[in-house]
Amino acid sequence: MPDPFDGVMDHEALRNLAMTRECAYCRAKSEKLRCCQACRSEWYCGAECQWQHWPRHRTTCRSLMAVVSLAGVTATILLNRASS
């Protein structure tokens, strides 16, 4: 898979960006945080922090997933109309 930041940001800038992220639950900063696989809007140290934060994140996560799903359906409809 091609790097979406290729030619836009150098590796040092990406490393600095990664260091500004913090765990949504415990607020620890690390380059090794992992994002929520459903909505990709929150970052976590690991499964325990994600599980602890889920009650607060649930509504946002599901809302974001609904928007992404609707956008995908809309794009598909528009592309189908354009190709007809």
C-alpha atoms as a PDB file:
ATOM      1  CA  MET A   1       0.000   0.000   0.000  1.00  0.00           C
ATOM      2  CA  PRO A   2       1.471   3.386  -0.956  1.00  0.00           C
ATOM      3  CA  ASP A   3       2.327   5.889   1.760  1.00  0.00           C
ATOM      4  CA  PRO A   4      -0.409   8.601   1.700  1.00  0.00           C
ATOM      5  CA  PHE A   5       2.087  11.137   3.084  1.00  0.00           C
ATOM      6  CA  ASP A   6       4.786  10.410   0.492  1.00  0.00           C
ATOM      7  CA  GLY A   7       6.038  13.765  -0.729  1.00  0.00           C
ATOM      8  CA  VAL A   8       3.786  15.657   1.683  1.00  0.00           C
ATOM      9  CA  MET A   9       5.509  15.091   5.026  1.00  0.00           C
ATOM     10  CA  ASP A  10       8.998  13.828   5.737  1.00  0.00           C
ATOM     11  CA  HIS A  11       9.680  11.042   8.219  1.00  0.00           C
ATOM     12  CA  GLU A  12      10.848  13.470  10.924  1.00  0.00           C
ATOM     13  CA  ALA A  13       7.562  15.396  10.691  1.00  0.00           C
ATOM     14  CA  LEU A  14       5.608  12.140  10.935  1.00  0.00           C
ATOM     15  CA  ARG A  15       7.650  11.083  13.970  1.00  0.00           C
ATOM     16  CA  ASN A  16       6.937  14.452  15.631  1.00  0.00           C
ATOM     17  CA  LEU A  17       3.245  14.084  14.813  1.00  0.00           C
ATOM     18  CA  ALA A  18       3.210  10.611  16.385  1.00  0.00           C
ATOM     19  CA  MET A  19       4.782  11.995  19.567  1.00  0.00           C
ATOM     20  CA  THR A  20       1.954  14.540  19.944  1.00  0.00           C
ATOM     21  CA  ARG A  21      -0.645  11.768  20.145  1.00  0.00           C
ATOM     22  CA  GLU A  22      -1.805  10.637  23.533  1.00  0.00           C
ATOM     23  CA  CYS A  23      -3.902   7.785  24.816  1.00  0.00           C
ATOM     24  CA  ALA A  24      -7.565   8.814  24.985  1.00  0.00           C
ATOM     25  CA  TYR A  25      -7.910   7.060  28.332  1.00  0.00           C
ATOM     26  CA  CYS A  26      -4.695   7.472  30.353  1.00  0.00           C
ATOM     27  CA  ARG A  27      -3.201  10.406  28.392  1.00  0.00           C
ATOM     28  CA  ALA A  28       0.219   8.706  27.998  1.00  0.00           C
ATOM     29  CA  LYS A  29       2.216   9.917  24.992  1.00  0.00           C
ATOM     30  CA  SER A  30       3.942   7.372  22.801  1.00  0.00           C
ATOM     31  CA  GLU A  31       4.887   6.621  19.199  1.00  0.00           C
ATOM     32  CA  LYS A  32       3.355   3.165  19.635  1.00  0.00           C
ATOM     33  CA  LEU A  33      -0.275   4.073  20.249  1.00  0.00           C
ATOM     34  CA  ARG A  34      -2.901   2.204  18.261  1.00  0.00           C
ATOM     35  CA  CYS A  35      -6.073   3.773  16.921  1.00  0.00           C
ATOM     36  CA  CYS A  36      -9.631   2.582  17.329  1.00  0.00           C
ATOM     37  CA  GLN A  37     -10.070   0.168  14.431  1.00  0.00           C
ATOM     38  CA  ALA A  38     -13.714   1.102  13.955  1.00  0.00           C
ATOM     39  CA  CYS A  39     -13.568   4.903  13.595  1.00  0.00           C
ATOM     40  CA  ARG A  40      -9.810   5.619  13.705  1.00  0.00           C
ATOM     41  CA  SER A  41     -10.421   8.822  15.654  1.00  0.00           C
ATOM     42  CA  GLU A  42      -9.024   7.852  19.069  1.00  0.00           C
ATOM     43  CA  TRP A  43      -5.622   6.475  20.074  1.00  0.00           C
ATOM     44  CA  TYR A  44      -4.866   4.002  22.860  1.00  0.00           C
ATOM     45  CA  CYS A  45      -1.904   2.409  24.661  1.00  0.00           C
ATOM     46  CA  GLY A  46      -3.557  -0.971  24.292  1.00  0.00           C
ATOM     47  CA  ALA A  47      -6.695  -3.017  24.698  1.00  0.00           C
ATOM     48  CA  GLU A  48      -7.123  -2.253  28.419  1.00  0.00           C
ATOM     49  CA  CYS A  49      -7.182   1.526  27.901  1.00  0.00           C
ATOM     50  CA  GLN A  50      -9.521   1.140  24.922  1.00  0.00           C
ATOM     51  CA  TRP A  51     -11.869  -1.067  26.935  1.00  0.00           C
ATOM     52  CA  GLN A  52     -11.884   1.386  29.861  1.00  0.00           C
ATOM     53  CA  HIS A  53     -12.587   4.327  27.547  1.00  0.00           C
ATOM     54  CA  TRP A  54     -15.327   2.546  25.533  1.00  0.00           C
ATOM     55  CA  PRO A  55     -18.300   3.814  27.607  1.00  0.00           C
ATOM     56  CA  ARG A  56     -17.303   7.423  26.778  1.00  0.00           C
ATOM     57  CA  HIS A  57     -16.185   6.719  23.198  1.00  0.00           C
ATOM     58  CA  ARG A  58     -19.089   4.480  22.134  1.00  0.00           C
ATOM     59  CA  THR A  59     -21.506   7.201  20.979  1.00  0.00           C
ATOM     60  CA  THR A  60     -18.843   9.123  19.054  1.00  0.00           C
ATOM     61  CA  CYS A  61     -17.472   5.957  17.473  1.00  0.00           C
ATOM     62  CA  ARG A  62     -20.857   4.765  16.295  1.00  0.00           C
ATOM     63  CA  SER A  63     -21.787   8.228  14.996  1.00  0.00           C
ATOM     64  CA  LEU A  64     -18.559   8.462  13.008  1.00  0.00           C
ATOM     65  CA  MET A  65     -19.110   4.991  11.581  1.00  0.00           C
ATOM     66  CA  ALA A  66     -22.634   5.981  10.511  1.00  0.00           C
ATOM     67  CA  VAL A  67     -21.323   9.103   8.745  1.00  0.00           C
ATOM     68  CA  VAL A  68     -18.588   7.106   6.986  1.00  0.00           C
ATOM     69  CA  SER A  69     -21.116   4.483   5.930  1.00  0.00           C
ATOM     70  CA  LEU A  70     -23.526   7.119   4.605  1.00  0.00           C
ATOM     71  CA  ALA A  71     -20.699   8.862   2.746  1.00  0.00           C
ATOM     72  CA  GLY A  72     -19.737   5.552   1.143  1.00  0.00           C
ATOM     73  CA  VAL A  73     -23.297   4.881   0.012  1.00  0.00           C
ATOM     74  CA  THR A  74     -23.615   8.419  -1.341  1.00  0.00           C
ATOM     75  CA  ALA A  75     -20.325   8.126  -3.237  1.00  0.00           C
ATOM     76  CA  THR A  76     -21.405   4.799  -4.725  1.00  0.00           C
ATOM     77  CA  ILE A  77     -24.708   6.274  -5.909  1.00  0.00           C
ATOM     78  CA  LEU A  78     -22.963   9.282  -7.448  1.00  0.00           C
ATOM     79  CA  LEU A  79     -20.355   7.115  -9.178  1.00  0.00           C
ATOM     80  CA  ASN A  80     -23.067   4.831 -10.557  1.00  0.00           C
ATOM     81  CA  ARG A  81     -24.982   7.820 -11.919  1.00  0.00           C
ATOM     82  CA  ALA A  82     -21.833   9.262 -13.492  1.00  0.00           C
ATOM     83  CA  SER A  83     -21.026   6.001 -15.272  1.00  0.00           C
ATOM     84  CA  SER A  84     -24.564   5.590 -16.670  1.00  0.00           C
END
